[in-house]
Amino acid sequence: MGLPCVIEAFTAIFKTGSISNKCCSELVVLGKFCHSALVKRTLENPLFKDLNPATIIAKSIETWNNCLALISSPSP
């Protein structure tokens, strides 16, 4: 994933924001295993100790599922 898309995905999961179609494509290419591992690893960082892991994991799953549905559906 390119840095702009990493930032976009991070913002969508760890803060408040959305992820573009382009970045959804890059996220899906990255793969679910890597996506989940990166989210888990970020949550282990002391800088993010104040975040609620259940909320972040839920947002991570939601972001993944939305991107997967977007990429899997044909464009009009």
C-alpha atoms as a PDB file:
ATOM      1  CA  MET A   1       0.000   0.000   0.000  1.00  0.00           C
ATOM      2  CA  GLY A   2       1.163   3.480  -0.771  1.00  0.00           C
ATOM      3  CA  LEU A   3       1.599   5.911   2.115  1.00  0.00           C
ATOM      4  CA  PRO A   4      -1.462   8.052   1.228  1.00  0.00           C
ATOM      5  CA  CYS A   5      -3.670   4.940   1.356  1.00  0.00           C
ATOM      6  CA  VAL A   6      -2.048   3.726   4.576  1.00  0.00           C
ATOM      7  CA  ILE A   7      -2.908   7.076   6.153  1.00  0.00           C
ATOM      8  CA  GLU A   8      -6.447   6.935   4.767  1.00  0.00           C
ATOM      9  CA  ALA A   9      -7.032   3.393   6.051  1.00  0.00           C
ATOM     10  CA  PHE A  10      -5.501   4.271   9.431  1.00  0.00           C
ATOM     11  CA  THR A  11      -7.769   7.305   9.744  1.00  0.00           C
ATOM     12  CA  ALA A  12     -10.837   5.236   8.824  1.00  0.00           C
ATOM     13  CA  ILE A  13     -10.034   2.613  11.451  1.00  0.00           C
ATOM     14  CA  PHE A  14      -8.337   4.458  14.305  1.00  0.00           C
ATOM     15  CA  LYS A  15      -9.950   7.887  14.008  1.00  0.00           C
ATOM     16  CA  THR A  16     -12.930   9.193  12.065  1.00  0.00           C
ATOM     17  CA  GLY A  17     -12.792   9.153   8.320  1.00  0.00           C
ATOM     18  CA  SER A  18     -13.527   7.204   5.208  1.00  0.00           C
ATOM     19  CA  ILE A  19     -11.463   5.258   2.730  1.00  0.00           C
ATOM     20  CA  SER A  20     -11.553   5.929  -1.010  1.00  0.00           C
ATOM     21  CA  ASN A  21     -12.261   3.311  -3.673  1.00  0.00           C
ATOM     22  CA  LYS A  22      -8.612   3.454  -4.772  1.00  0.00           C
ATOM     23  CA  CYS A  23      -7.370   2.793  -1.251  1.00  0.00           C
ATOM     24  CA  CYS A  24      -9.978   0.065  -0.756  1.00  0.00           C
ATOM     25  CA  SER A  25      -8.462  -1.678  -3.772  1.00  0.00           C
ATOM     26  CA  GLU A  26      -4.984  -1.421  -2.256  1.00  0.00           C
ATOM     27  CA  LEU A  27      -6.258  -2.682   1.104  1.00  0.00           C
ATOM     28  CA  VAL A  28      -7.903  -5.736  -0.446  1.00  0.00           C
ATOM     29  CA  VAL A  29      -4.723  -6.516  -2.407  1.00  0.00           C
ATOM     30  CA  LEU A  30      -2.807  -6.348   0.886  1.00  0.00           C
ATOM     31  CA  GLY A  31      -5.008  -9.192   2.158  1.00  0.00           C
ATOM     32  CA  LYS A  32      -7.120  -9.780   5.234  1.00  0.00           C
ATOM     33  CA  PHE A  33      -4.356 -11.514   7.191  1.00  0.00           C
ATOM     34  CA  CYS A  34      -1.962  -8.585   6.795  1.00  0.00           C
ATOM     35  CA  HIS A  35      -4.730  -6.064   7.444  1.00  0.00           C
ATOM     36  CA  SER A  36      -5.722  -7.787  10.691  1.00  0.00           C
ATOM     37  CA  ALA A  37      -2.102  -8.249  11.785  1.00  0.00           C
ATOM     38  CA  LEU A  38      -1.324  -4.558  11.236  1.00  0.00           C
ATOM     39  CA  VAL A  39      -4.372  -3.474  13.227  1.00  0.00           C
ATOM     40  CA  LYS A  40      -3.485  -5.858  16.056  1.00  0.00           C
ATOM     41  CA  ARG A  41       0.141  -4.710  16.068  1.00  0.00           C
ATOM     42  CA  THR A  42      -0.897  -1.050  16.132  1.00  0.00           C
ATOM     43  CA  LEU A  43      -3.136  -1.719  19.139  1.00  0.00           C
ATOM     44  CA  GLU A  44      -0.107  -3.170  20.970  1.00  0.00           C
ATOM     45  CA  ASN A  45       1.739   0.149  20.582  1.00  0.00           C
ATOM     46  CA  PRO A  46       1.727   2.142  23.866  1.00  0.00           C
ATOM     47  CA  LEU A  47       0.772   5.283  21.910  1.00  0.00           C
ATOM     48  CA  PHE A  48      -2.655   3.739  21.330  1.00  0.00           C
ATOM     49  CA  LYS A  49      -3.235   2.361  24.829  1.00  0.00           C
ATOM     50  CA  ASP A  50      -6.213   4.673  25.397  1.00  0.00           C
ATOM     51  CA  LEU A  51      -8.170   3.264  22.461  1.00  0.00           C
ATOM     52  CA  ASN A  52     -10.861   0.657  23.015  1.00  0.00           C
ATOM     53  CA  PRO A  53      -9.613  -2.497  21.226  1.00  0.00           C
ATOM     54  CA  ALA A  54     -13.144  -3.843  20.680  1.00  0.00           C
ATOM     55  CA  THR A  55     -14.184  -0.613  18.953  1.00  0.00           C
ATOM     56  CA  ILE A  56     -11.066  -0.561  16.770  1.00  0.00           C
ATOM     57  CA  ILE A  57     -11.436  -4.216  15.795  1.00  0.00           C
ATOM     58  CA  ALA A  58     -15.100  -3.608  14.912  1.00  0.00           C
ATOM     59  CA  LYS A  59     -14.121  -0.603  12.742  1.00  0.00           C
ATOM     60  CA  SER A  60     -11.350  -2.668  11.163  1.00  0.00           C
ATOM     61  CA  ILE A  61     -13.773  -5.452  10.236  1.00  0.00           C
ATOM     62  CA  GLU A  62     -16.320  -2.940   8.960  1.00  0.00           C
ATOM     63  CA  THR A  63     -13.689  -1.198   6.822  1.00  0.00           C
ATOM     64  CA  TRP A  64     -12.454  -4.529   5.434  1.00  0.00           C
ATOM     65  CA  ASN A  65     -15.972  -5.773   4.635  1.00  0.00           C
ATOM     66  CA  ASN A  66     -16.970  -2.471   3.002  1.00  0.00           C
ATOM     67  CA  CYS A  67     -13.835  -2.478   0.855  1.00  0.00           C
ATOM     68  CA  LEU A  68     -14.278  -6.113  -0.082  1.00  0.00           C
ATOM     69  CA  ALA A  69     -17.911  -5.510  -1.103  1.00  0.00           C
ATOM     70  CA  LEU A  70     -16.907  -2.425  -3.065  1.00  0.00           C
ATOM     71  CA  ILE A  71     -14.142  -4.221  -4.937  1.00  0.00           C
ATOM     72  CA  SER A  72     -16.231  -7.352  -5.536  1.00  0.00           C
ATOM     73  CA  SER A  73     -19.235  -5.500  -6.962  1.00  0.00           C
ATOM     74  CA  PRO A  74     -19.172  -4.496 -10.614  1.00  0.00           C
ATOM     75  CA  SER A  75     -18.891  -0.801 -11.391  1.00  0.00           C
ATOM     76  CA  PRO A  76     -21.991   0.792 -12.956  1.00  0.00           C
END
